[in-house]
């Protein structure tokens, strides 16, 4: 039993013509070209998700600056001339 599943994909005719040409130039099929492209997209998404999780964990562990989440100044007082 195969680990793959067929799907139906609708593309504009000119785009499909260009994609077929690109696949031939790269020595692969349209399916192969799409597979590589989608794998790259998923890897980028995984990298982003991991980086976001690390950032949020870092922010959650940030030290308290003693402000209680409130600024003790106003914009005007910072820009007094």
C-alpha atoms as a PDB file:
ATOM      1  CA  UNK A   1       0.000   0.000   0.000  1.00  0.00           C
ATOM      2  CA  UNK A   2       1.326   3.446  -0.984  1.00  0.00           C
ATOM      3  CA  UNK A   3       2.036   6.312   1.411  1.00  0.00           C
ATOM      4  CA  UNK A   4       0.809   8.837  -1.139  1.00  0.00           C
ATOM      5  CA  UNK A   5      -2.608  10.080  -2.130  1.00  0.00           C
ATOM      6  CA  UNK A   6      -3.707  11.652  -5.372  1.00  0.00           C
ATOM      7  CA  UNK A   7      -5.402  15.044  -5.391  1.00  0.00           C
ATOM      8  CA  UNK A   8      -7.062  17.146  -8.031  1.00  0.00           C
ATOM      9  CA  UNK A   9      -5.511  20.539  -8.623  1.00  0.00           C
ATOM     10  CA  UNK A  10      -7.035  23.237 -10.803  1.00  0.00           C
ATOM     11  CA  UNK A  11      -4.612  25.756 -12.291  1.00  0.00           C
ATOM     12  CA  UNK A  12      -4.915  28.363 -15.027  1.00  0.00           C
ATOM     13  CA  UNK A  13      -3.808  26.861 -18.356  1.00  0.00           C
ATOM     14  CA  UNK A  14      -0.885  29.243 -18.840  1.00  0.00           C
ATOM     15  CA  UNK A  15       0.405  28.560 -15.334  1.00  0.00           C
ATOM     16  CA  UNK A  16       0.164  24.807 -15.888  1.00  0.00           C
ATOM     17  CA  UNK A  17       2.041  25.149 -19.192  1.00  0.00           C
ATOM     18  CA  UNK A  18       4.832  27.046 -17.459  1.00  0.00           C
ATOM     19  CA  UNK A  19       4.946  24.636 -14.509  1.00  0.00           C
ATOM     20  CA  UNK A  20       5.210  21.653 -16.872  1.00  0.00           C
ATOM     21  CA  UNK A  21       8.062  23.379 -18.700  1.00  0.00           C
ATOM     22  CA  UNK A  22       9.823  24.112 -15.397  1.00  0.00           C
ATOM     23  CA  UNK A  23       9.409  20.509 -14.281  1.00  0.00           C
ATOM     24  CA  UNK A  24      10.973  19.261 -17.536  1.00  0.00           C
ATOM     25  CA  UNK A  25      13.884  21.705 -17.140  1.00  0.00           C
ATOM     26  CA  UNK A  26      14.475  20.372 -13.633  1.00  0.00           C
ATOM     27  CA  UNK A  27      14.180  16.758 -14.679  1.00  0.00           C
ATOM     28  CA  UNK A  28      11.111  16.001 -12.614  1.00  0.00           C
ATOM     29  CA  UNK A  29       7.342  15.831 -12.868  1.00  0.00           C
ATOM     30  CA  UNK A  30       4.770  18.430 -11.895  1.00  0.00           C
ATOM     31  CA  UNK A  31       3.998  16.263  -8.869  1.00  0.00           C
ATOM     32  CA  UNK A  32       7.682  16.100  -7.961  1.00  0.00           C
ATOM     33  CA  UNK A  33       8.061  19.843  -8.348  1.00  0.00           C
ATOM     34  CA  UNK A  34       5.016  20.505  -6.174  1.00  0.00           C
ATOM     35  CA  UNK A  35       6.207  18.007  -3.567  1.00  0.00           C
ATOM     36  CA  UNK A  36       9.579  19.741  -3.202  1.00  0.00           C
ATOM     37  CA  UNK A  37       7.948  23.166  -3.067  1.00  0.00           C
ATOM     38  CA  UNK A  38       5.388  22.102  -0.463  1.00  0.00           C
ATOM     39  CA  UNK A  39       8.082  20.390   1.634  1.00  0.00           C
ATOM     40  CA  UNK A  40      10.040  23.668   1.641  1.00  0.00           C
ATOM     41  CA  UNK A  41       6.919  25.604   2.644  1.00  0.00           C
ATOM     42  CA  UNK A  42       6.190  23.196   5.512  1.00  0.00           C
ATOM     43  CA  UNK A  43       9.816  23.363   6.706  1.00  0.00           C
ATOM     44  CA  UNK A  44       9.624  27.177   6.749  1.00  0.00           C
ATOM     45  CA  UNK A  45       6.377  26.993   8.719  1.00  0.00           C
ATOM     46  CA  UNK A  46       7.945  24.574  11.229  1.00  0.00           C
ATOM     47  CA  UNK A  47      10.958  26.873  11.625  1.00  0.00           C
ATOM     48  CA  UNK A  48       8.680  29.873  12.221  1.00  0.00           C
ATOM     49  CA  UNK A  49       6.534  27.965  14.723  1.00  0.00           C
ATOM     50  CA  UNK A  50       9.591  26.821  16.673  1.00  0.00           C
ATOM     51  CA  UNK A  51      11.092  30.334  16.700  1.00  0.00           C
ATOM     52  CA  UNK A  52       7.793  31.829  17.855  1.00  0.00           C
ATOM     53  CA  UNK A  53       7.548  29.281  20.678  1.00  0.00           C
ATOM     54  CA  UNK A  54      11.109  30.065  21.800  1.00  0.00           C
ATOM     55  CA  UNK A  55      10.388  33.799  21.698  1.00  0.00           C
ATOM     56  CA  UNK A  56       7.180  33.474  23.708  1.00  0.00           C
ATOM     57  CA  UNK A  57       8.936  31.292  26.291  1.00  0.00           C
ATOM     58  CA  UNK A  58      11.716  33.879  26.543  1.00  0.00           C
ATOM     59  CA  UNK A  59       9.211  36.709  26.996  1.00  0.00           C
ATOM     60  CA  UNK A  60       7.323  34.738  29.647  1.00  0.00           C
ATOM     61  CA  UNK A  61      10.574  34.242  31.577  1.00  0.00           C
ATOM     62  CA  UNK A  62      11.738  37.860  31.243  1.00  0.00           C
ATOM     63  CA  UNK A  63      12.713  39.519  34.469  1.00  0.00           C
ATOM     64  CA  UNK A  64      10.383  41.953  36.132  1.00  0.00           C
ATOM     65  CA  UNK A  65      11.430  45.543  35.600  1.00  0.00           C
ATOM     66  CA  UNK A  66       9.498  46.669  38.652  1.00  0.00           C
ATOM     67  CA  UNK A  67       6.899  48.683  36.786  1.00  0.00           C
ATOM     68  CA  UNK A  68       4.007  46.339  37.399  1.00  0.00           C
ATOM     69  CA  UNK A  69       3.260  46.589  33.706  1.00  0.00           C
ATOM     70  CA  UNK A  70       2.636  50.340  33.914  1.00  0.00           C
ATOM     71  CA  UNK A  71       4.839  53.198  32.804  1.00  0.00           C
ATOM     72  CA  UNK A  72       5.586  55.737  35.525  1.00  0.00           C
ATOM     73  CA  UNK A  73       5.975  58.512  32.999  1.00  0.00           C
ATOM     74  CA  UNK A  74       4.030  60.211  30.266  1.00  0.00           C
ATOM     75  CA  UNK A  75       5.024  61.023  26.737  1.00  0.00           C
ATOM     76  CA  UNK A  76       4.865  64.715  27.561  1.00  0.00           C
ATOM     77  CA  UNK A  77       7.179  64.390  30.569  1.00  0.00           C
ATOM     78  CA  UNK A  78       9.732  62.509  28.489  1.00  0.00           C
ATOM     79  CA  UNK A  79       9.701  65.209  25.830  1.00  0.00           C
ATOM     80  CA  UNK A  80       9.717  68.307  28.048  1.00  0.00           C
ATOM     81  CA  UNK A  81      11.904  70.947  26.542  1.00  0.00           C
END
